[in-house]
């Protein structure tokens, strides 16, 4: 009887965690690892940098949903192109809004994690 109650409790607890994870719009593992890898390249490849960079992407994920994060990263990447090809991605209103939202989230993450 006790084992059955424990199994049911575990089942309902796992449902709660699944709902929570889905509700906060989880980022794909590849996006998290890519961010942490780049962050560690910029801040040193130490255990402290790993913890700070992991904290940073968690804060960003709590502020910016993944679809807007992905759009901002795309605009930032394409904005590095020279000439007319990059102008749209640097100066467009949608691009500026997306990039500024991501930069605000990164600034908040820097305050909380570094």
N, C-alpha and C. Protein backbone atom coordinates (compact mmCIF):
# COMPACT_ATOMS: atom_id res chain seq x y z
N UNK A 1 0.83 -1.19 0.00
CA UNK A 1 0.00 0.00 0.00
C UNK A 1 0.87 1.26 0.00
N UNK A 2 1.88 1.28 0.87
CA UNK A 2 2.77 2.44 0.97
C UNK A 2 3.50 2.67 -0.35
N UNK A 3 3.94 1.60 -1.00
CA UNK A 3 4.65 1.73 -2.27
C UNK A 3 3.74 2.33 -3.33
N UNK A 4 2.49 1.90 -3.35
CA UNK A 4 1.53 2.42 -4.33
C UNK A 4 1.30 3.92 -4.11
N UNK A 5 1.20 4.35 -2.88
CA UNK A 5 1.02 5.77 -2.57
C UNK A 5 2.25 6.55 -3.01
N UNK A 6 3.42 6.01 -2.76
CA UNK A 6 4.67 6.65 -3.16
C UNK A 6 4.73 6.78 -4.69
N UNK A 7 4.32 5.73 -5.40
CA UNK A 7 4.33 5.77 -6.86
C UNK A 7 3.36 6.84 -7.38
N UNK A 8 2.19 6.93 -6.80
CA UNK A 8 1.23 7.94 -7.21
C UNK A 8 1.74 9.35 -6.91
N UNK A 9 2.35 9.53 -5.75
CA UNK A 9 2.90 10.83 -5.40
C UNK A 9 4.00 11.24 -6.39
N UNK A 10 4.85 10.30 -6.73
CA UNK A 10 5.92 10.58 -7.69
C UNK A 10 5.34 10.92 -9.06
N UNK A 11 4.30 10.18 -9.45
CA UNK A 11 3.66 10.44 -10.75
C UNK A 11 3.08 11.85 -10.80
N UNK A 12 2.34 12.25 -9.77
CA UNK A 12 1.75 13.58 -9.78
C UNK A 12 2.80 14.67 -9.65
N UNK A 13 3.86 14.41 -8.92
CA UNK A 13 4.94 15.39 -8.82
C UNK A 13 5.61 15.57 -10.18
N UNK A 14 5.81 14.48 -10.90
CA UNK A 14 6.43 14.59 -12.22
C UNK A 14 5.53 15.35 -13.19
N UNK A 15 4.23 15.21 -13.06
CA UNK A 15 3.32 15.99 -13.90
C UNK A 15 3.46 17.47 -13.61
N UNK A 16 3.61 17.82 -12.36
CA UNK A 16 3.78 19.21 -11.98
C UNK A 16 5.05 19.80 -12.55
N UNK A 17 6.14 19.05 -12.50
CA UNK A 17 7.40 19.54 -13.04
C UNK A 17 7.33 19.68 -14.56
N UNK A 18 6.65 18.76 -15.21
CA UNK A 18 6.50 18.84 -16.66
C UNK A 18 5.70 20.08 -17.04
N UNK A 19 4.64 20.34 -16.31
CA UNK A 19 3.83 21.52 -16.59
C UNK A 19 4.62 22.78 -16.36
N UNK A 20 5.41 22.83 -15.30
CA UNK A 20 6.24 24.00 -15.01
C UNK A 20 7.25 24.22 -16.12
N UNK A 21 7.90 23.14 -16.56
CA UNK A 21 8.91 23.27 -17.61
C UNK A 21 8.28 23.76 -18.91
N UNK A 22 7.12 23.27 -19.24
CA UNK A 22 6.46 23.70 -20.47
C UNK A 22 5.99 25.15 -20.35
N UNK A 23 5.59 25.55 -19.15
CA UNK A 23 5.06 26.90 -18.96
C UNK A 23 6.13 27.97 -19.09
N UNK A 24 7.37 27.65 -18.80
CA UNK A 24 8.39 28.69 -18.86
C UNK A 24 9.12 28.72 -20.18
N UNK A 25 8.56 28.06 -21.20
CA UNK A 25 9.05 28.15 -22.57
C UNK A 25 10.53 27.77 -22.65
N UNK A 26 10.83 26.55 -22.32
CA UNK A 26 12.20 26.07 -22.28
C UNK A 26 12.94 26.28 -23.59
N UNK A 27 14.18 26.60 -23.46
CA UNK A 27 15.08 26.72 -24.59
C UNK A 27 15.61 25.34 -24.94
N UNK A 28 15.89 25.07 -26.22
CA UNK A 28 16.49 23.78 -26.57
C UNK A 28 17.89 23.66 -25.96
N UNK A 29 18.29 22.46 -25.67
CA UNK A 29 19.59 22.22 -25.06
C UNK A 29 20.71 22.78 -25.92
N UNK A 30 20.61 22.65 -27.22
CA UNK A 30 21.66 23.16 -28.11
C UNK A 30 21.82 24.67 -27.96
N UNK A 31 20.73 25.40 -27.83
CA UNK A 31 20.80 26.85 -27.67
C UNK A 31 21.46 27.21 -26.34
N UNK A 32 21.14 26.47 -25.30
CA UNK A 32 21.74 26.73 -23.99
C UNK A 32 23.24 26.46 -24.02
N UNK A 33 23.62 25.32 -24.58
CA UNK A 33 25.04 24.96 -24.65
C UNK A 33 25.80 25.96 -25.51
N UNK A 34 25.21 26.37 -26.63
CA UNK A 34 25.85 27.34 -27.51
C UNK A 34 26.09 28.66 -26.78
N UNK A 35 25.10 29.12 -26.03
CA UNK A 35 25.25 30.37 -25.27
C UNK A 35 26.34 30.23 -24.21
N UNK A 36 26.28 29.15 -23.44
CA UNK A 36 27.26 28.96 -22.36
C UNK A 36 28.66 28.82 -22.93
N UNK A 37 28.80 28.12 -24.05
CA UNK A 37 30.12 27.96 -24.67
C UNK A 37 30.69 29.31 -25.09
N UNK A 38 29.88 30.12 -25.77
CA UNK A 38 30.33 31.45 -26.18
C UNK A 38 30.64 32.35 -24.99
N UNK A 39 29.81 32.27 -23.98
CA UNK A 39 30.02 33.06 -22.76
C UNK A 39 31.32 32.68 -22.08
N UNK A 40 31.60 31.37 -22.02
CA UNK A 40 32.84 30.92 -21.38
C UNK A 40 34.07 31.31 -22.20
N UNK A 41 33.95 31.33 -23.51
CA UNK A 41 35.06 31.79 -24.35
C UNK A 41 35.38 33.25 -24.04
N UNK A 42 34.35 34.04 -23.78
CA UNK A 42 34.55 35.46 -23.50
C UNK A 42 34.99 35.73 -22.07
N UNK A 43 34.59 34.88 -21.12
CA UNK A 43 34.83 35.15 -19.71
C UNK A 43 35.82 34.20 -19.04
N UNK A 44 36.44 33.35 -19.81
CA UNK A 44 37.40 32.40 -19.23
C UNK A 44 36.78 31.03 -19.08
N UNK A 45 37.58 30.05 -19.27
CA UNK A 45 37.10 28.67 -19.21
C UNK A 45 37.38 28.07 -17.84
N UNK A 46 36.68 28.62 -16.85
CA UNK A 46 36.84 28.18 -15.47
C UNK A 46 35.49 27.69 -14.93
N UNK A 47 35.55 27.05 -13.80
CA UNK A 47 34.32 26.57 -13.15
C UNK A 47 33.42 27.75 -12.77
N UNK A 48 34.02 28.84 -12.29
CA UNK A 48 33.23 30.02 -11.94
C UNK A 48 32.53 30.61 -13.16
N UNK A 49 33.24 30.64 -14.29
CA UNK A 49 32.63 31.14 -15.53
C UNK A 49 31.49 30.24 -15.96
N UNK A 50 31.66 28.93 -15.81
CA UNK A 50 30.60 27.99 -16.16
C UNK A 50 29.34 28.27 -15.34
N UNK A 51 29.51 28.46 -14.04
CA UNK A 51 28.36 28.73 -13.18
C UNK A 51 27.70 30.07 -13.53
N UNK A 52 28.53 31.09 -13.75
CA UNK A 52 27.98 32.41 -14.09
C UNK A 52 27.27 32.40 -15.44
N UNK A 53 27.86 31.73 -16.42
CA UNK A 53 27.26 31.67 -17.75
C UNK A 53 25.97 30.85 -17.74
N UNK A 54 25.95 29.77 -16.98
CA UNK A 54 24.73 28.97 -16.86
C UNK A 54 23.62 29.77 -16.19
N UNK A 55 23.98 30.51 -15.16
CA UNK A 55 23.02 31.39 -14.49
C UNK A 55 22.51 32.44 -15.48
N UNK A 56 23.40 32.97 -16.28
CA UNK A 56 23.05 34.02 -17.23
C UNK A 56 21.99 33.57 -18.23
N UNK A 57 22.17 32.41 -18.82
CA UNK A 57 21.18 31.93 -19.80
C UNK A 57 19.86 31.59 -19.10
N UNK A 58 19.92 31.16 -17.85
CA UNK A 58 18.68 30.90 -17.11
C UNK A 58 17.90 32.19 -16.89
N UNK A 59 18.61 33.27 -16.56
CA UNK A 59 17.95 34.56 -16.36
C UNK A 59 17.37 35.06 -17.68
N UNK A 60 18.15 34.95 -18.75
CA UNK A 60 17.66 35.37 -20.06
C UNK A 60 16.42 34.57 -20.45
N UNK A 61 16.45 33.27 -20.21
CA UNK A 61 15.30 32.41 -20.55
C UNK A 61 14.06 32.78 -19.73
N UNK A 62 14.27 33.29 -18.52
CA UNK A 62 13.12 33.68 -17.71
C UNK A 62 12.51 35.01 -18.16
N UNK A 63 13.27 35.79 -18.93
CA UNK A 63 12.81 37.10 -19.38
C UNK A 63 12.32 37.07 -20.83
N UNK A 64 13.08 36.40 -21.70
CA UNK A 64 12.81 36.41 -23.14
C UNK A 64 12.38 35.02 -23.60
N UNK A 65 11.20 34.88 -24.17
CA UNK A 65 10.80 33.57 -24.71
C UNK A 65 11.75 33.15 -25.84
N UNK A 66 11.84 31.86 -26.06
CA UNK A 66 12.83 31.34 -27.00
C UNK A 66 12.65 31.88 -28.41
N UNK A 67 11.44 32.03 -28.89
CA UNK A 67 11.26 32.51 -30.26
C UNK A 67 11.80 33.92 -30.44
N UNK A 68 11.64 34.78 -29.44
CA UNK A 68 12.18 36.14 -29.53
C UNK A 68 13.70 36.14 -29.33
N UNK A 69 14.21 35.23 -28.49
CA UNK A 69 15.66 35.09 -28.33
C UNK A 69 16.28 34.68 -29.66
N UNK A 70 15.67 33.70 -30.31
CA UNK A 70 16.19 33.21 -31.59
C UNK A 70 16.17 34.31 -32.65
N UNK A 71 15.11 35.10 -32.69
CA UNK A 71 15.02 36.20 -33.65
C UNK A 71 16.11 37.24 -33.38
N UNK A 72 16.31 37.59 -32.12
CA UNK A 72 17.34 38.58 -31.78
C UNK A 72 18.73 38.08 -32.12
N UNK A 73 19.01 36.82 -31.82
CA UNK A 73 20.31 36.23 -32.16
C UNK A 73 20.52 36.24 -33.68
N UNK A 74 19.47 35.97 -34.42
CA UNK A 74 19.56 35.98 -35.89
C UNK A 74 19.85 37.39 -36.39
N UNK A 75 19.12 38.38 -35.88
CA UNK A 75 19.37 39.76 -36.29
C UNK A 75 20.79 40.19 -35.95
N UNK A 76 21.27 39.81 -34.77
CA UNK A 76 22.63 40.19 -34.38
C UNK A 76 23.66 39.53 -35.29
N UNK A 77 23.45 38.28 -35.61
CA UNK A 77 24.38 37.56 -36.47
C UNK A 77 24.38 38.12 -37.89
N UNK A 78 23.20 38.34 -38.44
CA UNK A 78 23.10 38.86 -39.81
C UNK A 78 23.51 40.33 -39.88
N UNK A 79 23.41 41.04 -38.78
CA UNK A 79 23.83 42.43 -38.74
C UNK A 79 25.34 42.60 -38.85
N UNK A 80 26.08 41.53 -38.68
CA UNK A 80 27.54 41.59 -38.82
C UNK A 80 27.99 41.63 -40.27
N UNK A 81 27.07 41.36 -41.20
CA UNK A 81 27.41 41.43 -42.62
C UNK A 81 27.71 42.87 -42.99
N UNK A 82 28.64 43.05 -43.90
CA UNK A 82 29.03 44.39 -44.32
C UNK A 82 28.14 44.87 -45.46
N UNK A 83 28.12 46.16 -45.66
CA UNK A 83 27.41 46.74 -46.79
C UNK A 83 25.91 46.72 -46.63
N UNK A 84 25.25 46.75 -47.79
CA UNK A 84 23.79 46.83 -47.81
C UNK A 84 23.12 45.60 -47.24
N UNK A 85 23.78 44.46 -47.34
CA UNK A 85 23.17 43.23 -46.84
C UNK A 85 22.92 43.28 -45.34
N UNK A 86 23.80 43.92 -44.60
CA UNK A 86 23.66 43.96 -43.15
C UNK A 86 22.84 45.12 -42.62
N UNK A 87 22.61 46.14 -43.47
CA UNK A 87 21.91 47.34 -43.01
C UNK A 87 20.51 47.03 -42.50
N UNK A 88 19.77 46.23 -43.21
CA UNK A 88 18.41 45.89 -42.81
C UNK A 88 18.38 45.24 -41.43
N UNK A 89 19.37 44.41 -41.16
CA UNK A 89 19.41 43.69 -39.89
C UNK A 89 19.97 44.54 -38.75
N UNK A 90 20.61 45.65 -39.09
CA UNK A 90 21.12 46.55 -38.06
C UNK A 90 20.17 47.71 -37.79
N UNK A 91 19.48 48.18 -38.82
CA UNK A 91 18.71 49.42 -38.70
C UNK A 91 17.20 49.25 -38.76
N UNK A 92 16.71 48.09 -39.08
CA UNK A 92 15.27 47.87 -39.14
C UNK A 92 14.64 47.98 -37.76
N UNK A 93 13.41 48.47 -37.71
CA UNK A 93 12.72 48.66 -36.42
C UNK A 93 12.52 47.34 -35.69
N UNK A 94 12.14 46.31 -36.41
CA UNK A 94 11.93 45.00 -35.78
C UNK A 94 13.24 44.47 -35.22
N UNK A 95 14.31 44.63 -35.99
CA UNK A 95 15.62 44.16 -35.55
C UNK A 95 16.07 44.91 -34.30
N UNK A 96 15.92 46.22 -34.32
CA UNK A 96 16.34 47.03 -33.16
C UNK A 96 15.55 46.64 -31.91
N UNK A 97 14.26 46.43 -32.05
CA UNK A 97 13.43 46.04 -30.91
C UNK A 97 13.85 44.70 -30.35
N UNK A 98 14.06 43.73 -31.23
CA UNK A 98 14.44 42.38 -30.78
C UNK A 98 15.80 42.39 -30.11
N UNK A 99 16.76 43.08 -30.71
CA UNK A 99 18.11 43.12 -30.16
C UNK A 99 18.14 43.88 -28.84
N UNK A 100 17.39 44.98 -28.74
CA UNK A 100 17.39 45.73 -27.48
C UNK A 100 16.75 44.93 -26.35
N UNK A 101 15.72 44.15 -26.66
CA UNK A 101 15.11 43.29 -25.64
C UNK A 101 16.11 42.26 -25.13
N UNK A 102 16.84 41.65 -26.04
CA UNK A 102 17.85 40.66 -25.64
C UNK A 102 18.97 41.33 -24.85
N UNK A 103 19.39 42.50 -25.25
CA UNK A 103 20.47 43.19 -24.52
C UNK A 103 20.02 43.59 -23.12
N UNK A 104 18.76 43.99 -22.97
CA UNK A 104 18.26 44.29 -21.62
C UNK A 104 18.26 43.04 -20.75
N UNK A 105 17.86 41.92 -21.33
CA UNK A 105 17.87 40.66 -20.58
C UNK A 105 19.30 40.25 -20.23
N UNK A 106 20.24 40.47 -21.14
CA UNK A 106 21.64 40.16 -20.85
C UNK A 106 22.19 41.07 -19.76
N UNK A 107 21.79 42.33 -19.77
CA UNK A 107 22.23 43.25 -18.71
C UNK A 107 21.70 42.80 -17.35
N UNK A 108 20.44 42.39 -17.31
CA UNK A 108 19.87 41.87 -16.07
C UNK A 108 20.60 40.62 -15.62
N UNK A 109 20.93 39.75 -16.57
CA UNK A 109 21.68 38.53 -16.25
C UNK A 109 23.07 38.86 -15.72
N UNK A 110 23.71 39.86 -16.28
CA UNK A 110 25.04 40.27 -15.80
C UNK A 110 24.96 40.75 -14.35
N UNK A 111 23.93 41.52 -14.04
CA UNK A 111 23.77 42.02 -12.67
C UNK A 111 23.53 40.87 -11.70
N UNK A 112 22.71 39.93 -12.08
CA UNK A 112 22.37 38.82 -11.18
C UNK A 112 23.45 37.76 -11.06
N UNK A 113 24.21 37.54 -12.12
CA UNK A 113 25.07 36.35 -12.17
C UNK A 113 26.57 36.63 -12.12
N UNK A 114 27.01 37.80 -12.48
CA UNK A 114 28.47 38.04 -12.53
C UNK A 114 28.93 38.97 -11.43
